[in-house]
Amino acid sequence: MSLCRVISTAQVPRYESITAPLLLIAGSDDKTASIEGCDAILQAYSTIKSLKHIEVLDGIGHWHCIEAGGVVAQHIKNFVLGENDQSYLGT
């Protein structure tokens, strides 16, 4: 109950003031955090386009690390090493 209260009263971050590189990993079957919501966050970041990326994991829900831990790890590794597939650049 405490966690729900914190989430429900949290303020929306000022994404437009963030310029750090961003990798956003989303599940195509996530019922909690929609792809549209994730994309809106991606677009709101002030990070330059080439440094912000979204990866949508097909058939994966909200628990990315449990449902596809190896895939998540590989995307994080690629992002950190700068080996990003340009096909998933944010628009």
PDB file of N, CA and C in Angstrom:
ATOM      1  N   MET A   1       0.818  -1.171   0.000  1.00  0.00           N
ATOM      2  CA  MET A   1       0.000   0.000   0.000  1.00  0.00           C
ATOM      3  C   MET A   1       0.880   1.261   0.000  1.00  0.00           C
ATOM      4  N   SER A   2       1.951   1.199   0.731  1.00  0.00           N
ATOM      5  CA  SER A   2       2.851   2.346   0.798  1.00  0.00           C
ATOM      6  C   SER A   2       3.439   2.667  -0.574  1.00  0.00           C
ATOM      7  N   LEU A   3       3.869   1.633  -1.302  1.00  0.00           N
ATOM      8  CA  LEU A   3       4.429   1.840  -2.634  1.00  0.00           C
ATOM      9  C   LEU A   3       3.389   2.450  -3.575  1.00  0.00           C
ATOM     10  N   CYS A   4       2.164   1.958  -3.520  1.00  0.00           N
ATOM     11  CA  CYS A   4       1.092   2.507  -4.365  1.00  0.00           C
ATOM     12  C   CYS A   4       0.859   3.978  -4.057  1.00  0.00           C
ATOM     13  N   ARG A   5       0.914   4.350  -2.798  1.00  0.00           N
ATOM     14  CA  ARG A   5       0.722   5.753  -2.400  1.00  0.00           C
ATOM     15  C   ARG A   5       1.841   6.615  -2.975  1.00  0.00           C
ATOM     16  N   VAL A   6       3.072   6.136  -2.882  1.00  0.00           N
ATOM     17  CA  VAL A   6       4.214   6.885  -3.415  1.00  0.00           C
ATOM     18  C   VAL A   6       4.070   7.075  -4.926  1.00  0.00           C
ATOM     19  N   ILE A   7       3.719   6.020  -5.630  1.00  0.00           N
ATOM     20  CA  ILE A   7       3.551   6.098  -7.079  1.00  0.00           C
ATOM     21  C   ILE A   7       2.425   7.058  -7.451  1.00  0.00           C
ATOM     22  N   SER A   8       1.308   6.967  -6.748  1.00  0.00           N
ATOM     23  CA  SER A   8       0.142   7.788  -7.103  1.00  0.00           C
ATOM     24  C   SER A   8       0.345   9.274  -6.815  1.00  0.00           C
ATOM     25  N   THR A   9       1.254   9.612  -5.911  1.00  0.00           N
ATOM     26  CA  THR A   9       1.476  11.028  -5.576  1.00  0.00           C
ATOM     27  C   THR A   9       2.764  11.590  -6.177  1.00  0.00           C
ATOM     28  N   ALA A  10       3.502  10.763  -6.908  1.00  0.00           N
ATOM     29  CA  ALA A  10       4.774  11.212  -7.487  1.00  0.00           C
ATOM     30  C   ALA A  10       4.534  12.251  -8.573  1.00  0.00           C
ATOM     31  N   GLN A  11       5.451  13.189  -8.672  1.00  0.00           N
ATOM     32  CA  GLN A  11       5.379  14.195  -9.729  1.00  0.00           C
ATOM     33  C   GLN A  11       6.054  13.658 -10.984  1.00  0.00           C
ATOM     34  N   VAL A  12       5.566  14.063 -12.141  1.00  0.00           N
ATOM     35  CA  VAL A  12       6.163  13.662 -13.414  1.00  0.00           C
ATOM     36  C   VAL A  12       7.536  14.330 -13.518  1.00  0.00           C
ATOM     37  N   PRO A  13       8.561  13.555 -13.810  1.00  0.00           N
ATOM     38  CA  PRO A  13       9.901  14.150 -13.958  1.00  0.00           C
ATOM     39  C   PRO A  13       9.928  15.189 -15.078  1.00  0.00           C
ATOM     40  N   ARG A  14      10.854  16.106 -15.002  1.00  0.00           N
ATOM     41  CA  ARG A  14      11.045  17.101 -16.058  1.00  0.00           C
ATOM     42  C   ARG A  14      11.963  16.492 -17.118  1.00  0.00           C
ATOM     43  N   TYR A  15      11.390  15.602 -17.924  1.00  0.00           N
ATOM     44  CA  TYR A  15      12.171  14.882 -18.934  1.00  0.00           C
ATOM     45  C   TYR A  15      12.901  15.829 -19.870  1.00  0.00           C
ATOM     46  N   GLU A  16      12.307  16.963 -20.151  1.00  0.00           N
ATOM     47  CA  GLU A  16      12.906  17.902 -21.102  1.00  0.00           C
ATOM     48  C   GLU A  16      14.225  18.473 -20.592  1.00  0.00           C
ATOM     49  N   SER A  17      14.515  18.326 -19.310  1.00  0.00           N
ATOM     50  CA  SER A  17      15.777  18.841 -18.773  1.00  0.00           C
ATOM     51  C   SER A  17      16.859  17.759 -18.712  1.00  0.00           C
ATOM     52  N   ILE A  18      16.548  16.557 -19.159  1.00  0.00           N
ATOM     53  CA  ILE A  18      17.499  15.449 -19.108  1.00  0.00           C
ATOM     54  C   ILE A  18      18.212  15.323 -20.455  1.00  0.00           C
ATOM     55  N   THR A  19      19.532  15.253 -20.406  1.00  0.00           N
ATOM     56  CA  THR A  19      20.316  15.155 -21.641  1.00  0.00           C
ATOM     57  C   THR A  19      21.218  13.922 -21.671  1.00  0.00           C
ATOM     58  N   ALA A  20      21.106  13.067 -20.681  1.00  0.00           N
ATOM     59  CA  ALA A  20      21.931  11.850 -20.621  1.00  0.00           C
ATOM     60  C   ALA A  20      21.460  10.845 -21.668  1.00  0.00           C
ATOM     61  N   PRO A  21      22.356   9.981 -22.132  1.00  0.00           N
ATOM     62  CA  PRO A  21      21.942   8.919 -23.050  1.00  0.00           C
ATOM     63  C   PRO A  21      20.843   8.065 -22.424  1.00  0.00           C
ATOM     64  N   LEU A  22      19.959   7.543 -23.249  1.00  0.00           N
ATOM     65  CA  LEU A  22      18.796   6.808 -22.747  1.00  0.00           C
ATOM     66  C   LEU A  22      18.566   5.542 -23.548  1.00  0.00           C
ATOM     67  N   LEU A  23      18.440   4.441 -22.840  1.00  0.00           N
ATOM     68  CA  LEU A  23      17.968   3.180 -23.413  1.00  0.00           C
ATOM     69  C   LEU A  23      16.696   2.843 -22.663  1.00  0.00           C
ATOM     70  N   LEU A  24      15.594   2.771 -23.365  1.00  0.00           N
ATOM     71  CA  LEU A  24      14.317   2.431 -22.768  1.00  0.00           C
ATOM     72  C   LEU A  24      13.915   1.054 -23.294  1.00  0.00           C
ATOM     73  N   ILE A  25      13.723   0.109 -22.390  1.00  0.00           N
ATOM     74  CA  ILE A  25      13.342  -1.249 -22.773  1.00  0.00           C
ATOM     75  C   ILE A  25      11.892  -1.451 -22.387  1.00  0.00           C
ATOM     76  N   ALA A  26      11.076  -1.848 -23.360  1.00  0.00           N
ATOM     77  CA  ALA A  26       9.638  -2.001 -23.143  1.00  0.00           C
ATOM     78  C   ALA A  26       9.189  -3.368 -23.623  1.00  0.00           C
ATOM     79  N   GLY A  27       8.173  -3.899 -22.966  1.00  0.00           N
ATOM     80  CA  GLY A  27       7.585  -5.162 -23.389  1.00  0.00           C
ATOM     81  C   GLY A  27       6.356  -4.912 -24.248  1.00  0.00           C
ATOM     82  N   SER A  28       6.246  -5.606 -25.361  1.00  0.00           N
ATOM     83  CA  SER A  28       5.099  -5.405 -26.253  1.00  0.00           C
ATOM     84  C   SER A  28       3.781  -5.779 -25.577  1.00  0.00           C
ATOM     85  N   ASP A  29       3.835  -6.685 -24.599  1.00  0.00           N
ATOM     86  CA  ASP A  29       2.625  -7.136 -23.912  1.00  0.00           C
ATOM     87  C   ASP A  29       2.475  -6.537 -22.519  1.00  0.00           C
ATOM     88  N   ASP A  30       3.206  -5.455 -22.238  1.00  0.00           N
ATOM     89  CA  ASP A  30       3.157  -4.811 -20.927  1.00  0.00           C
ATOM     90  C   ASP A  30       1.831  -4.072 -20.771  1.00  0.00           C
ATOM     91  N   LYS A  31       1.049  -4.452 -19.778  1.00  0.00           N
ATOM     92  CA  LYS A  31      -0.248  -3.814 -19.528  1.00  0.00           C
ATOM     93  C   LYS A  31      -0.120  -2.664 -18.536  1.00  0.00           C
ATOM     94  N   THR A  32       1.064  -2.500 -17.925  1.00  0.00           N
ATOM     95  CA  THR A  32       1.285  -1.452 -16.931  1.00  0.00           C
ATOM     96  C   THR A  32       1.899  -0.205 -17.555  1.00  0.00           C
ATOM     97  N   ALA A  33       2.888  -0.397 -18.403  1.00  0.00           N
ATOM     98  CA  ALA A  33       3.585   0.710 -19.062  1.00  0.00           C
ATOM     99  C   ALA A  33       3.446   0.509 -20.573  1.00  0.00           C
ATOM    100  N   SER A  34       2.545   1.236 -21.173  1.00  0.00           N
ATOM    101  CA  SER A  34       2.258   1.063 -22.603  1.00  0.00           C
ATOM    102  C   SER A  34       3.416   1.530 -23.476  1.00  0.00           C
ATOM    103  N   ILE A  35       3.482   0.980 -24.670  1.00  0.00           N
ATOM    104  CA  ILE A  35       4.490   1.395 -25.648  1.00  0.00           C
ATOM    105  C   ILE A  35       4.315   2.881 -25.954  1.00  0.00           C
ATOM    106  N   GLU A  36       3.073   3.331 -26.048  1.00  0.00           N
ATOM    107  CA  GLU A  36       2.805   4.743 -26.335  1.00  0.00           C
ATOM    108  C   GLU A  36       3.358   5.633 -25.227  1.00  0.00           C
ATOM    109  N   GLY A  37       3.167   5.218 -23.984  1.00  0.00           N
ATOM    110  CA  GLY A  37       3.698   5.986 -22.857  1.00  0.00           C
ATOM    111  C   GLY A  37       5.220   6.000 -22.849  1.00  0.00           C
ATOM    112  N   CYS A  38       5.803   4.857 -23.140  1.00  0.00           N
ATOM    113  CA  CYS A  38       7.268   4.765 -23.215  1.00  0.00           C
ATOM    114  C   CYS A  38       7.801   5.654 -24.327  1.00  0.00           C
ATOM    115  N   ASP A  39       7.143   5.639 -25.477  1.00  0.00           N
ATOM    116  CA  ASP A  39       7.576   6.472 -26.595  1.00  0.00           C
ATOM    117  C   ASP A  39       7.445   7.954 -26.255  1.00  0.00           C
ATOM    118  N   ALA A  40       6.394   8.324 -25.535  1.00  0.00           N
ATOM    119  CA  ALA A  40       6.225   9.722 -25.124  1.00  0.00           C
ATOM    120  C   ALA A  40       7.369  10.162 -24.219  1.00  0.00           C
ATOM    121  N   ILE A  41       7.788   9.285 -23.307  1.00  0.00           N
ATOM    122  CA  ILE A  41       8.925   9.595 -22.444  1.00  0.00           C
ATOM    123  C   ILE A  41      10.185   9.747 -23.285  1.00  0.00           C
ATOM    124  N   LEU A  42      10.407   8.825 -24.201  1.00  0.00           N
ATOM    125  CA  LEU A  42      11.572   8.887 -25.079  1.00  0.00           C
ATOM    126  C   LEU A  42      11.613  10.218 -25.829  1.00  0.00           C
ATOM    127  N   GLN A  43      10.493  10.617 -26.377  1.00  0.00           N
ATOM    128  CA  GLN A  43      10.427  11.856 -27.160  1.00  0.00           C
ATOM    129  C   GLN A  43      10.624  13.092 -26.282  1.00  0.00           C
ATOM    130  N   ALA A  44      10.206  13.028 -25.028  1.00  0.00           N
ATOM    131  CA  ALA A  44      10.291  14.184 -24.138  1.00  0.00           C
ATOM    132  C   ALA A  44      11.722  14.469 -23.681  1.00  0.00           C
ATOM    133  N   TYR A  45      12.586  13.447 -23.661  1.00  0.00           N
ATOM    134  CA  TYR A  45      13.977  13.652 -23.253  1.00  0.00           C
ATOM    135  C   TYR A  45      14.650  14.631 -24.198  1.00  0.00           C
ATOM    136  N   SER A  46      15.482  15.506 -23.665  1.00  0.00           N
ATOM    137  CA  SER A  46      16.232  16.456 -24.491  1.00  0.00           C
ATOM    138  C   SER A  46      17.509  15.859 -25.054  1.00  0.00           C
ATOM    139  N   THR A  47      17.771  14.622 -24.720  1.00  0.00           N
ATOM    140  CA  THR A  47      18.942  13.921 -25.242  1.00  0.00           C
ATOM    141  C   THR A  47      18.913  13.954 -26.764  1.00  0.00           C
ATOM    142  N   ILE A  48      20.078  14.133 -27.387  1.00  0.00           N
ATOM    143  CA  ILE A  48      20.100  14.143 -28.843  1.00  0.00           C
ATOM    144  C   ILE A  48      19.606  12.794 -29.374  1.00  0.00           C
ATOM    145  N   LYS A  49      18.963  12.851 -30.507  1.00  0.00           N
ATOM    146  CA  LYS A  49      18.274  11.691 -31.078  1.00  0.00           C
ATOM    147  C   LYS A  49      19.164  10.459 -31.199  1.00  0.00           C
ATOM    148  N   SER A  50      20.399  10.625 -31.573  1.00  0.00           N
ATOM    149  CA  SER A  50      21.284   9.477 -31.768  1.00  0.00           C
ATOM    150  C   SER A  50      21.680   8.797 -30.458  1.00  0.00           C
ATOM    151  N   LEU A  51      21.388   9.424 -29.312  1.00  0.00           N
ATOM    152  CA  LEU A  51      21.758   8.858 -28.013  1.00  0.00           C
ATOM    153  C   LEU A  51      20.555   8.394 -27.192  1.00  0.00           C
ATOM    154  N   LYS A  52      19.388   8.331 -27.823  1.00  0.00           N
ATOM    155  CA  LYS A  52      18.226   7.795 -27.106  1.00  0.00           C
ATOM    156  C   LYS A  52      17.568   6.721 -27.968  1.00  0.00           C
ATOM    157  N   HIS A  53      17.319   5.586 -27.329  1.00  0.00           N
ATOM    158  CA  HIS A  53      16.866   4.400 -28.042  1.00  0.00           C
ATOM    159  C   HIS A  53      15.755   3.699 -27.270  1.00  0.00           C
ATOM    160  N   ILE A  54      14.879   3.055 -27.995  1.00  0.00           N
ATOM    161  CA  ILE A  54      13.864   2.215 -27.378  1.00  0.00           C
ATOM    162  C   ILE A  54      13.971   0.813 -27.978  1.00  0.00           C
ATOM    163  N   GLU A  55      13.911  -0.171 -27.129  1.00  0.00           N
ATOM    164  CA  GLU A  55      13.883  -1.570 -27.545  1.00  0.00           C
ATOM    165  C   GLU A  55      12.550  -2.146 -27.098  1.00  0.00           C
ATOM    166  N   VAL A  56      11.774  -2.652 -28.022  1.00  0.00           N
ATOM    167  CA  VAL A  56      10.498  -3.290 -27.688  1.00  0.00           C
ATOM    168  C   VAL A  56      10.706  -4.795 -27.786  1.00  0.00           C
ATOM    169  N   LEU A  57      10.462  -5.478 -26.681  1.00  0.00           N
ATOM    170  CA  LEU A  57      10.637  -6.918 -26.621  1.00  0.00           C
ATOM    171  C   LEU A  57       9.316  -7.596 -26.942  1.00  0.00           C
ATOM    172  N   ASP A  58       9.241  -8.251 -28.080  1.00  0.00           N
ATOM    173  CA  ASP A  58       8.016  -8.915 -28.523  1.00  0.00           C
ATOM    174  C   ASP A  58       7.617 -10.039 -27.570  1.00  0.00           C
ATOM    175  N   GLY A  59       6.339 -10.068 -27.217  1.00  0.00           N
ATOM    176  CA  GLY A  59       5.802 -11.130 -26.382  1.00  0.00           C
ATOM    177  C   GLY A  59       6.173 -11.031 -24.917  1.00  0.00           C
ATOM    178  N   ILE A  60       6.751  -9.918 -24.512  1.00  0.00           N
ATOM    179  CA  ILE A  60       7.200  -9.732 -23.129  1.00  0.00           C
ATOM    180  C   ILE A  60       6.276  -8.729 -22.434  1.00  0.00           C
ATOM    181  N   GLY A  61       5.997  -9.017 -21.164  1.00  0.00           N
ATOM    182  CA  GLY A  61       5.133  -8.146 -20.370  1.00  0.00           C
ATOM    183  C   GLY A  61       5.937  -7.138 -19.567  1.00  0.00           C
ATOM    184  N   HIS A  62       5.548  -6.947 -18.305  1.00  0.00           N
ATOM    185  CA  HIS A  62       6.122  -5.905 -17.454  1.00  0.00           C
ATOM    186  C   HIS A  62       7.423  -6.325 -16.772  1.00  0.00           C
ATOM    187  N   TRP A  63       7.664  -7.618 -16.642  1.00  0.00           N
ATOM    188  CA  TRP A  63       8.821  -8.106 -15.886  1.00  0.00           C
ATOM    189  C   TRP A  63       9.948  -8.505 -16.841  1.00  0.00           C
ATOM    190  N   HIS A  64      10.514  -7.523 -17.538  1.00  0.00           N
ATOM    191  CA  HIS A  64      11.504  -7.764 -18.584  1.00  0.00           C
ATOM    192  C   HIS A  64      12.660  -8.641 -18.132  1.00  0.00           C
ATOM    193  N   CYS A  65      13.231  -8.342 -16.998  1.00  0.00           N
ATOM    194  CA  CYS A  65      14.419  -9.070 -16.530  1.00  0.00           C
ATOM    195  C   CYS A  65      14.112 -10.511 -16.147  1.00  0.00           C
ATOM    196  N   ILE A  66      12.883 -10.786 -15.780  1.00  0.00           N
ATOM    197  CA  ILE A  66      12.489 -12.155 -15.447  1.00  0.00           C
ATOM    198  C   ILE A  66      12.074 -12.905 -16.699  1.00  0.00           C
ATOM    199  N   GLU A  67      11.316 -12.246 -17.569  1.00  0.00           N
ATOM    200  CA  GLU A  67      10.799 -12.891 -18.771  1.00  0.00           C
ATOM    201  C   GLU A  67      11.845 -13.054 -19.870  1.00  0.00           C
ATOM    202  N   ALA A  68      12.803 -12.144 -19.933  1.00  0.00           N
ATOM    203  CA  ALA A  68      13.809 -12.180 -21.010  1.00  0.00           C
ATOM    204  C   ALA A  68      15.137 -11.608 -20.522  1.00  0.00           C
ATOM    205  N   GLY A  69      15.617 -12.141 -19.414  1.00  0.00           N
ATOM    206  CA  GLY A  69      16.829 -11.612 -18.788  1.00  0.00           C
ATOM    207  C   GLY A  69      18.035 -11.538 -19.703  1.00  0.00           C
ATOM    208  N   GLY A  70      18.266 -12.583 -20.468  1.00  0.00           N
ATOM    209  CA  GLY A  70      19.411 -12.591 -21.377  1.00  0.00           C
ATOM    210  C   GLY A  70      19.311 -11.539 -22.461  1.00  0.00           C
ATOM    211  N   VAL A  71      18.120 -11.356 -22.982  1.00  0.00           N
ATOM    212  CA  VAL A  71      17.897 -10.359 -24.035  1.00  0.00           C
ATOM    213  C   VAL A  71      18.094  -8.957 -23.467  1.00  0.00           C
ATOM    214  N   VAL A  72      17.547  -8.715 -22.283  1.00  0.00           N
ATOM    215  CA  VAL A  72      17.707  -7.408 -21.627  1.00  0.00           C
ATOM    216  C   VAL A  72      19.193  -7.128 -21.398  1.00  0.00           C
ATOM    217  N   ALA A  73      19.906  -8.111 -20.870  1.00  0.00           N
ATOM    218  CA  ALA A  73      21.344  -7.945 -20.612  1.00  0.00           C
ATOM    219  C   ALA A  73      22.098  -7.599 -21.891  1.00  0.00           C
ATOM    220  N   GLN A  74      21.762  -8.261 -22.992  1.00  0.00           N
ATOM    221  CA  GLN A  74      22.447  -7.991 -24.261  1.00  0.00           C
ATOM    222  C   GLN A  74      22.164  -6.580 -24.752  1.00  0.00           C
ATOM    223  N   HIS A  75      20.923  -6.113 -24.625  1.00  0.00           N
ATOM    224  CA  HIS A  75      20.599  -4.743 -25.042  1.00  0.00           C
ATOM    225  C   HIS A  75      21.345  -3.715 -24.194  1.00  0.00           C
ATOM    226  N   ILE A  76      21.439  -3.967 -22.890  1.00  0.00           N
ATOM    227  CA  ILE A  76      22.162  -3.044 -22.013  1.00  0.00           C
ATOM    228  C   ILE A  76      23.646  -3.052 -22.378  1.00  0.00           C
ATOM    229  N   LYS A  77      24.210  -4.219 -22.580  1.00  0.00           N
ATOM    230  CA  LYS A  77      25.625  -4.326 -22.961  1.00  0.00           C
ATOM    231  C   LYS A  77      25.886  -3.567 -24.259  1.00  0.00           C
ATOM    232  N   ASN A  78      25.048  -3.798 -25.268  1.00  0.00           N
ATOM    233  CA  ASN A  78      25.213  -3.107 -26.555  1.00  0.00           C
ATOM    234  C   ASN A  78      25.121  -1.603 -26.392  1.00  0.00           C
ATOM    235  N   PHE A  79      24.186  -1.140 -25.561  1.00  0.00           N
ATOM    236  CA  PHE A  79      24.003   0.291 -25.343  1.00  0.00           C
ATOM    237  C   PHE A  79      25.242   0.896 -24.679  1.00  0.00           C
ATOM    238  N   VAL A  80      25.732   0.248 -23.642  1.00  0.00           N
ATOM    239  CA  VAL A  80      26.897   0.744 -22.914  1.00  0.00           C
ATOM    240  C   VAL A  80      28.135   0.768 -23.811  1.00  0.00           C
ATOM    241  N   LEU A  81      28.267  -0.245 -24.658  1.00  0.00           N
ATOM    242  CA  LEU A  81      29.428  -0.324 -25.554  1.00  0.00           C
ATOM    243  C   LEU A  81      29.253   0.515 -26.819  1.00  0.00           C
ATOM    244  N   GLY A  82      28.078   1.124 -26.982  1.00  0.00           N
ATOM    245  CA  GLY A  82      27.839   1.951 -28.168  1.00  0.00           C
ATOM    246  C   GLY A  82      27.576   1.159 -29.416  1.00  0.00           C
ATOM    247  N   GLU A  83      27.131  -0.086 -29.248  1.00  0.00           N
ATOM    248  CA  GLU A  83      26.859  -0.968 -30.382  1.00  0.00           C
ATOM    249  C   GLU A  83      25.370  -1.047 -30.649  1.00  0.00           C
ATOM    250  N   ASN A  84      24.745   0.093 -30.815  1.00  0.00           N
ATOM    251  CA  ASN A  84      23.296   0.130 -30.998  1.00  0.00           C
ATOM    252  C   ASN A  84      22.895  -0.107 -32.430  1.00  0.00           C
ATOM    253  N   ASP A  85      21.871  -0.917 -32.601  1.00  0.00           N
ATOM    254  CA  ASP A  85      21.269  -1.186 -33.908  1.00  0.00           C
ATOM    255  C   ASP A  85      20.443   0.045 -34.266  1.00  0.00           C
ATOM    256  N   GLN A  86      20.800   0.724 -35.328  1.00  0.00           N
ATOM    257  CA  GLN A  86      20.112   1.960 -35.708  1.00  0.00           C
ATOM    258  C   GLN A  86      18.636   1.771 -36.059  1.00  0.00           C
ATOM    259  N   SER A  87      18.181   0.536 -36.209  1.00  0.00           N
ATOM    260  CA  SER A  87      16.789   0.305 -36.575  1.00  0.00           C
ATOM    261  C   SER A  87      15.825   0.624 -35.448  1.00  0.00           C
ATOM    262  N   TYR A  88      16.314   0.776 -34.216  1.00  0.00           N
ATOM    263  CA  TYR A  88      15.390   1.085 -33.128  1.00  0.00           C
ATOM    264  C   TYR A  88      15.644   2.472 -32.532  1.00  0.00           C
ATOM    265  N   LEU A  89      16.237   3.362 -33.290  1.00  0.00           N
ATOM    266  CA  LEU A  89      16.409   4.726 -32.822  1.00  0.00           C
ATOM    267  C   LEU A  89      15.062   5.370 -32.576  1.00  0.00           C
ATOM    268  N   GLY A  90      14.984   6.203 -31.569  1.00  0.00           N
ATOM    269  CA  GLY A  90      13.743   6.949 -31.314  1.00  0.00           C
ATOM    270  C   GLY A  90      13.453   7.879 -32.466  1.00  0.00           C
ATOM    271  N   THR A  91      12.182   8.089 -32.704  1.00  0.00           N
ATOM    272  CA  THR A  91      11.802   8.967 -33.815  1.00  0.00           C
ATOM    273  C   THR A  91      11.538  10.362 -33.335  1.00  0.00           C
TER     274      THR A  91
END
